[in-house]
Amino acid sequence: MKKLFSIALVLVMLMSCASALAEVTLTYAEVNPVEGTVVGDVALAFKDKLEELSGGEVLVDIQANGVMGDEKTVLANILGGDTSVDIVRISAFALNQYGAVKSVFLTLPYVFTSEDHYWKFVESDLAKEMLAESKEVGLPFNGLAYGEEGFRHFFSKVDIKTIDDLKGLKIRVSDDPIMTGMIQGLGAAFTPVSFGELYTSLQTGVVDAAEQPITNYLSNSFQEVAPYLLKDGHTLGTIELIATDAALDKLTDEQKAMVQEAADYAMAVCKESVTAKQDEAQQKLIDMGCTVTEVEDKTPWQEATKDVLAANIAGMEDIYDAILALQ
């Protein structure tokens, strides 16, 4: 009897060890805070759903506030073979510079006329083709799902109410040809600053203005140093979840399917939360004394940025037309 008990005890210990070995933790990188942001809702929804689906076998460790570096750094590290990050929430256009050329359409100025227009795109076959492009061009990660965090707007240290008020300002945008070309078209000067240094750069006058979705503007406290918000909606803050090859190699086929299901669920949460989050953020900003100006007529803005649009859809006009047709 004693021998049988010992065998049973050994079996229990072996099963416990096997269970522990089966547990996988995926590190999720996010440059923004989790609290109060659309991307924070996405991160938490992904974590909760994947841990639920896997019964706790696959855990998600969210590293927010740029702890793992800004998007550009994280992507560069992954391409360099770094495996410290498994899941990354990126701005969807970020892959354009790495050969996923179709992603250019996700940052071109004034392509999406509304958020409803964008979500029709997300549900289209065209979106699936774009998600698959990163693998097609040999990048070491997989596109999981698209979402958005609202239209992006300019905010400044000085009062800005019209397109003319941007002329001559030093503006921080992402360092890519689309955004820098847009800034030049608007008559402003692009000033390169990392996202993590943006608050200080605004505070000290290194830059005069920048742009972000309204929830990120609030959650990063940019209104403290740049209290003027001009809601021009030049681009939609399109986002994408990607999973590295190294991360997926840790998982069984069943767990990989769970990752995809969790990503799809997170973006459904995104769709539901984005409008309310933006409205809530805007009201808080107004209550804090921030000056919020709506752009009623976007025609001058579209005219000013038409050259960067034309240059970047050359040879892919059919894709551009297909996106517009989804309105």
Protein backbone atom coordinates (compact mmCIF):
# COMPACT_ATOMS: atom_id res chain seq x y z
CA MET A 1 0.00 0.00 0.00
CA LYS A 2 2.81 2.34 0.95
CA LYS A 3 4.52 1.56 -2.36
CA LEU A 4 1.34 2.34 -4.31
CA PHE A 5 1.00 5.66 -2.47
CA SER A 6 4.60 6.56 -3.38
CA ILE A 7 3.99 5.74 -7.05
CA ALA A 8 0.81 7.84 -7.04
CA LEU A 9 2.70 10.72 -5.44
CA VAL A 10 5.41 10.52 -8.10
CA LEU A 11 2.79 10.52 -10.85
CA VAL A 12 1.10 13.59 -9.38
CA MET A 13 4.45 15.37 -9.22
CA LEU A 14 5.27 14.43 -12.82
CA MET A 15 1.87 15.66 -14.00
CA SER A 16 2.40 18.91 -12.11
CA CYS A 17 5.81 19.39 -13.72
CA ALA A 18 4.39 18.63 -17.15
CA SER A 19 1.66 21.21 -16.59
CA ALA A 20 4.22 23.79 -15.54
CA LEU A 21 6.33 23.06 -18.61
CA ALA A 22 3.27 23.44 -20.83
CA GLU A 23 2.64 26.96 -19.54
CA VAL A 24 3.83 29.67 -21.93
CA THR A 25 4.09 33.40 -21.23
CA LEU A 26 3.89 35.82 -24.16
CA THR A 27 5.29 39.32 -23.69
CA TYR A 28 3.02 41.99 -25.18
CA ALA A 29 4.60 45.37 -26.02
CA GLU A 30 2.60 48.61 -25.99
CA VAL A 31 4.09 52.10 -26.17
CA ASN A 32 1.09 53.84 -24.60
CA PRO A 33 -0.41 53.52 -21.12
CA VAL A 34 -3.03 50.82 -20.62
CA GLU A 35 -5.29 53.00 -18.50
CA GLY A 36 -7.71 55.18 -20.45
CA THR A 37 -6.56 54.27 -23.96
CA VAL A 38 -8.15 52.30 -26.77
CA VAL A 39 -4.90 50.36 -27.25
CA GLY A 40 -4.97 49.59 -23.54
CA ASP A 41 -8.43 48.08 -23.94
CA VAL A 42 -7.08 46.02 -26.85
CA ALA A 43 -4.17 44.73 -24.77
CA LEU A 44 -6.35 43.74 -21.82
CA ALA A 45 -8.98 42.12 -24.04
CA PHE A 46 -6.32 40.07 -25.82
CA LYS A 47 -4.79 38.97 -22.53
CA ASP A 48 -8.09 38.04 -20.88
CA LYS A 49 -9.44 36.14 -23.87
CA LEU A 50 -6.24 34.18 -24.58
CA GLU A 51 -5.81 33.18 -20.95
CA GLU A 52 -9.47 32.16 -20.82
CA LEU A 53 -9.32 30.14 -24.06
CA SER A 54 -6.12 28.37 -23.05
CA GLY A 55 -7.24 27.65 -19.50
CA GLY A 56 -4.19 29.52 -18.23
CA GLU A 57 -1.71 27.55 -20.33
CA VAL A 58 -0.84 30.66 -22.34
CA LEU A 59 -0.32 33.78 -20.24
CA VAL A 60 0.16 37.34 -21.49
CA ASP A 61 2.55 39.77 -19.81
CA ILE A 62 1.62 43.31 -20.91
CA GLN A 63 4.60 45.67 -20.96
CA ALA A 64 3.07 49.12 -21.55
CA ASN A 65 4.31 52.73 -21.41
CA GLY A 66 7.11 51.98 -23.87
CA VAL A 67 9.00 49.77 -21.41
CA MET A 68 10.17 47.57 -24.29
CA GLY A 69 10.95 50.61 -26.47
CA ASP A 70 8.96 52.57 -29.01
CA GLU A 71 7.35 50.80 -31.98
CA LYS A 72 10.28 51.49 -34.29
CA THR A 73 12.78 50.09 -31.78
CA VAL A 74 10.72 46.99 -31.02
CA LEU A 75 10.29 46.17 -34.70
CA ALA A 76 13.99 46.74 -35.39
CA ASN A 77 14.90 44.46 -32.49
CA ILE A 78 12.62 41.70 -33.77
CA LEU A 79 14.14 41.94 -37.23
CA GLY A 80 17.55 41.72 -35.59
CA GLY A 81 16.65 38.41 -33.94
CA ASP A 82 15.60 39.65 -30.50
CA THR A 83 12.99 37.38 -28.88
CA SER A 84 12.14 39.41 -25.76
CA VAL A 85 8.82 40.54 -27.28
CA ASP A 86 6.20 38.13 -28.63
CA ILE A 87 3.11 40.22 -29.41
CA VAL A 88 3.30 43.85 -30.52
CA ARG A 89 0.62 46.45 -31.09
CA ILE A 90 1.94 48.64 -33.87
CA SER A 91 0.68 51.49 -36.01
CA ALA A 92 -0.48 49.58 -39.07
CA PHE A 93 1.58 51.61 -41.53
CA ALA A 94 4.87 50.82 -39.74
CA LEU A 95 5.50 47.76 -41.91
CA ASN A 96 5.58 49.77 -45.11
CA GLN A 97 9.27 50.59 -44.66
CA TYR A 98 10.03 46.87 -44.35
CA GLY A 99 8.53 45.87 -47.68
CA ALA A 100 4.85 45.46 -46.80
CA VAL A 101 4.00 48.17 -49.32
CA LYS A 102 0.22 47.79 -49.21
CA SER A 103 0.20 49.04 -45.62
CA VAL A 104 0.91 52.49 -47.02
CA PHE A 105 -2.83 52.90 -47.57
CA LEU A 106 -3.41 52.76 -43.82
CA THR A 107 -1.63 56.06 -43.22
CA LEU A 108 -2.30 58.12 -46.33
CA PRO A 109 -4.03 61.41 -45.51
CA TYR A 110 -7.80 61.51 -45.79
CA VAL A 111 -8.22 58.02 -47.28
CA PHE A 112 -10.83 56.90 -44.74
CA THR A 113 -13.80 59.23 -44.57
CA SER A 114 -15.18 57.82 -41.32
CA GLU A 115 -14.60 55.07 -38.81
CA ASP A 116 -17.49 53.11 -40.34
CA HIS A 117 -15.63 53.28 -43.66
CA TYR A 118 -12.51 51.87 -42.00
CA TRP A 119 -14.33 48.97 -40.33
CA LYS A 120 -15.85 47.99 -43.67
CA PHE A 121 -12.28 47.79 -44.92
CA VAL A 122 -11.25 45.67 -41.89
CA GLU A 123 -13.97 43.15 -42.74
CA SER A 124 -12.98 42.99 -46.43
CA ASP A 125 -10.81 40.50 -48.30
CA LEU A 126 -8.44 43.37 -49.04
CA ALA A 127 -7.65 43.72 -45.34
CA LYS A 128 -6.88 40.00 -45.12
CA GLU A 129 -4.47 40.36 -48.06
CA MET A 130 -2.70 43.23 -46.32
CA LEU A 131 -2.40 41.30 -43.06
CA ALA A 132 -0.77 38.42 -44.94
CA GLU A 133 1.73 40.67 -46.71
CA SER A 134 4.30 40.67 -43.89
CA LYS A 135 4.81 36.92 -44.31
CA GLU A 136 4.77 37.17 -48.09
CA VAL A 137 7.74 39.56 -48.02
CA GLY A 138 9.66 37.39 -45.53
CA LEU A 139 9.23 39.34 -42.29
CA PRO A 140 9.58 37.27 -39.08
CA PHE A 141 6.08 37.92 -37.78
CA ASN A 142 2.44 37.35 -38.62
CA GLY A 143 -0.30 39.95 -38.94
CA LEU A 144 -3.16 38.92 -36.66
CA ALA A 145 -5.83 41.63 -36.84
CA TYR A 146 -6.52 45.29 -37.61
CA GLY A 147 -8.15 47.87 -35.36
CA GLU A 148 -8.06 51.61 -34.78
CA GLU A 149 -7.71 54.18 -32.03
CA GLY A 150 -9.53 57.07 -33.64
CA PHE A 151 -8.55 59.78 -36.07
CA ARG A 152 -5.24 61.54 -35.46
CA HIS A 153 -5.21 65.28 -34.79
CA PHE A 154 -2.64 68.03 -34.30
CA PHE A 155 -1.91 69.53 -30.89
CA SER A 156 0.31 72.48 -30.19
CA LYS A 157 1.92 74.82 -27.69
CA VAL A 158 0.43 77.76 -29.61
CA ASP A 159 -3.16 78.33 -30.65
CA ILE A 160 -3.97 76.57 -33.93
CA LYS A 161 -7.35 76.93 -35.57
CA THR A 162 -6.70 76.71 -39.32
CA ILE A 163 -4.34 75.05 -41.77
CA ASP A 164 -2.43 78.34 -42.05
CA ASP A 165 -1.62 78.23 -38.32
CA LEU A 166 0.59 75.17 -38.93
CA LYS A 167 2.90 76.93 -41.35
CA GLY A 168 6.43 77.21 -40.01
CA LEU A 169 5.77 75.15 -36.89
CA LYS A 170 8.21 72.42 -35.84
CA ILE A 171 6.03 69.32 -35.75
CA ARG A 172 6.88 65.86 -34.51
CA VAL A 173 5.38 62.99 -36.50
CA SER A 174 6.48 59.41 -37.09
CA ASP A 175 9.68 59.33 -39.14
CA ASP A 176 8.32 57.85 -42.36
CA PRO A 177 7.91 59.35 -45.85
CA ILE A 178 4.12 59.58 -45.68
CA MET A 179 3.93 61.57 -42.48
CA THR A 180 6.93 63.76 -43.22
CA GLY A 181 5.60 64.42 -46.73
CA MET A 182 2.24 65.39 -45.27
CA ILE A 183 3.91 67.84 -42.88
CA GLN A 184 5.84 69.42 -45.74
CA GLY A 185 2.65 69.75 -47.77
CA LEU A 186 1.06 71.59 -44.87
CA GLY A 187 3.95 74.05 -44.81
CA ALA A 188 5.37 72.93 -41.49
CA ALA A 189 8.79 71.52 -40.57
CA PHE A 190 9.29 67.90 -39.54
CA THR A 191 11.35 67.54 -36.36
CA PRO A 192 12.43 63.97 -35.41
CA VAL A 193 11.78 63.14 -31.76
CA SER A 194 11.17 59.73 -30.18
CA PHE A 195 7.75 59.23 -28.65
CA GLY A 196 9.26 58.77 -25.21
CA GLU A 197 10.89 62.20 -25.43
CA LEU A 198 7.91 64.03 -26.90
CA TYR A 199 6.52 65.49 -23.65
CA THR A 200 9.88 67.02 -22.71
CA SER A 201 10.48 68.20 -26.28
CA LEU A 202 7.17 70.08 -26.26
CA GLN A 203 7.89 71.45 -22.81
CA THR A 204 11.31 72.80 -23.81
CA GLY A 205 10.35 74.02 -27.27
CA VAL A 206 12.33 71.48 -29.28
CA VAL A 207 9.04 70.97 -31.11
CA ASP A 208 5.98 73.21 -31.30
CA ALA A 209 3.39 70.59 -32.10
CA ALA A 210 2.71 66.90 -32.69
CA GLU A 211 -0.20 64.62 -33.55
CA GLN A 212 -1.91 61.65 -31.96
CA PRO A 213 -5.36 60.15 -31.51
CA ILE A 214 -7.22 62.11 -28.86
CA THR A 215 -7.09 59.34 -26.24
CA ASN A 216 -3.29 59.12 -26.49
CA TYR A 217 -3.04 62.90 -26.30
CA LEU A 218 -4.85 62.80 -22.97
CA SER A 219 -3.34 59.62 -21.52
CA ASN A 220 0.19 60.89 -22.09
CA SER A 221 -0.70 64.29 -20.52
CA PHE A 222 0.41 66.20 -23.61
CA GLN A 223 -2.31 68.78 -22.93
CA GLU A 224 -0.19 69.99 -20.00
CA VAL A 225 2.48 71.30 -22.37
CA ALA A 226 0.49 71.66 -25.61
CA PRO A 227 -3.07 72.69 -24.71
CA TYR A 228 -4.36 73.48 -28.21
CA LEU A 229 -6.00 70.63 -30.14
CA LEU A 230 -7.01 70.99 -33.79
CA LYS A 231 -9.27 68.14 -34.86
CA ASP A 232 -8.42 67.79 -38.54
CA GLY A 233 -8.45 63.97 -38.65
CA HIS A 234 -5.62 63.83 -41.19
CA THR A 235 -5.24 60.08 -40.84
CA LEU A 236 -6.99 57.35 -38.93
CA GLY A 237 -4.96 55.78 -36.14
CA THR A 238 -5.00 52.32 -37.67
CA ILE A 239 -3.43 49.61 -35.54
CA GLU A 240 -2.32 46.04 -36.07
CA LEU A 241 -1.49 43.19 -33.75
CA ILE A 242 1.46 41.07 -34.84
CA ALA A 243 2.87 37.86 -33.39
CA THR A 244 6.52 36.98 -33.94
CA ASP A 245 7.55 33.70 -35.52
CA ALA A 246 9.52 32.91 -32.36
CA ALA A 247 6.38 33.36 -30.26
CA LEU A 248 4.26 31.11 -32.45
CA ASP A 249 6.98 28.46 -32.45
CA LYS A 250 6.41 28.08 -28.69
CA LEU A 251 2.79 27.14 -29.23
CA THR A 252 0.82 24.14 -30.39
CA ASP A 253 -1.44 24.48 -33.43
CA GLU A 254 -4.42 24.65 -31.08
CA GLN A 255 -2.80 27.46 -29.08
CA LYS A 256 -1.96 29.37 -32.28
CA ALA A 257 -5.64 29.27 -33.18
CA MET A 258 -6.42 30.65 -29.72
CA VAL A 259 -4.00 33.55 -30.32
CA GLN A 260 -5.85 34.40 -33.53
CA GLU A 261 -9.23 34.15 -31.81
CA ALA A 262 -8.03 36.39 -28.98
CA ALA A 263 -6.74 38.95 -31.50
CA ASP A 264 -10.07 38.98 -33.34
CA TYR A 265 -11.89 39.38 -30.02
CA ALA A 266 -9.61 42.25 -28.96
CA MET A 267 -10.36 44.13 -32.15
CA ALA A 268 -14.10 43.60 -31.68
CA VAL A 269 -13.67 45.20 -28.25
CA CYS A 270 -11.70 47.97 -29.95
CA LYS A 271 -14.55 48.67 -32.35
CA GLU A 272 -17.02 48.91 -29.49
CA SER A 273 -14.88 51.10 -27.23
CA VAL A 274 -13.20 53.54 -29.60
CA THR A 275 -16.02 56.08 -30.02
CA ALA A 276 -16.89 56.22 -26.32
CA LYS A 277 -13.23 56.53 -25.36
CA GLN A 278 -12.74 59.46 -27.74
CA ASP A 279 -15.86 61.28 -26.55
CA GLU A 280 -14.87 60.78 -22.92
CA ALA A 281 -11.33 62.01 -23.58
CA GLN A 282 -12.52 65.13 -25.40
CA GLN A 283 -14.85 66.10 -22.57
CA LYS A 284 -12.08 65.64 -20.01
CA LEU A 285 -9.77 67.84 -22.11
CA ILE A 286 -12.37 70.58 -22.35
CA ASP A 287 -12.98 70.38 -18.60
CA MET A 288 -9.22 70.79 -18.06
CA GLY A 289 -9.24 73.98 -20.11
CA CYS A 290 -7.81 72.59 -23.33
CA THR A 291 -8.84 74.49 -26.46
CA VAL A 292 -10.47 72.09 -28.93
CA THR A 293 -11.17 73.29 -32.48
CA GLU A 294 -13.07 71.23 -35.07
CA VAL A 295 -12.06 71.46 -38.74
CA GLU A 296 -15.34 71.80 -40.64
CA ASP A 297 -14.00 71.93 -44.21
CA LYS A 298 -11.17 69.51 -45.02
CA THR A 299 -10.89 70.55 -48.66
CA PRO A 300 -7.82 72.81 -48.12
CA TRP A 301 -6.14 70.01 -46.18
CA GLN A 302 -6.80 67.46 -48.91
CA GLU A 303 -5.47 69.88 -51.51
CA ALA A 304 -2.30 70.53 -49.51
CA THR A 305 -1.54 66.82 -49.18
CA LYS A 306 -2.53 65.62 -52.65
CA ASP A 307 1.07 65.29 -53.84
CA VAL A 308 2.07 62.84 -51.08
CA LEU A 309 -1.11 60.88 -51.78
CA ALA A 310 -0.45 60.68 -55.51
CA ALA A 311 3.21 59.72 -55.06
CA ASN A 312 2.38 56.82 -52.77
CA ILE A 313 -0.51 55.25 -54.66
CA ALA A 314 1.37 55.27 -57.98
CA GLY A 315 1.05 51.81 -59.50
CA MET A 316 -1.50 50.78 -56.86
CA GLU A 317 -4.40 52.98 -57.87
CA ASP A 318 -6.65 49.92 -58.05
CA ILE A 319 -6.19 49.30 -54.31
CA TYR A 320 -6.91 52.94 -53.54
CA ASP A 321 -10.09 52.81 -55.63
CA ALA A 322 -11.13 49.58 -53.91
CA ILE A 323 -10.77 51.20 -50.49
CA LEU A 324 -12.76 54.25 -51.54
CA ALA A 325 -15.48 51.99 -52.93
CA LEU A 326 -16.06 50.57 -49.43
CA GLN A 327 -17.59 53.83 -48.16
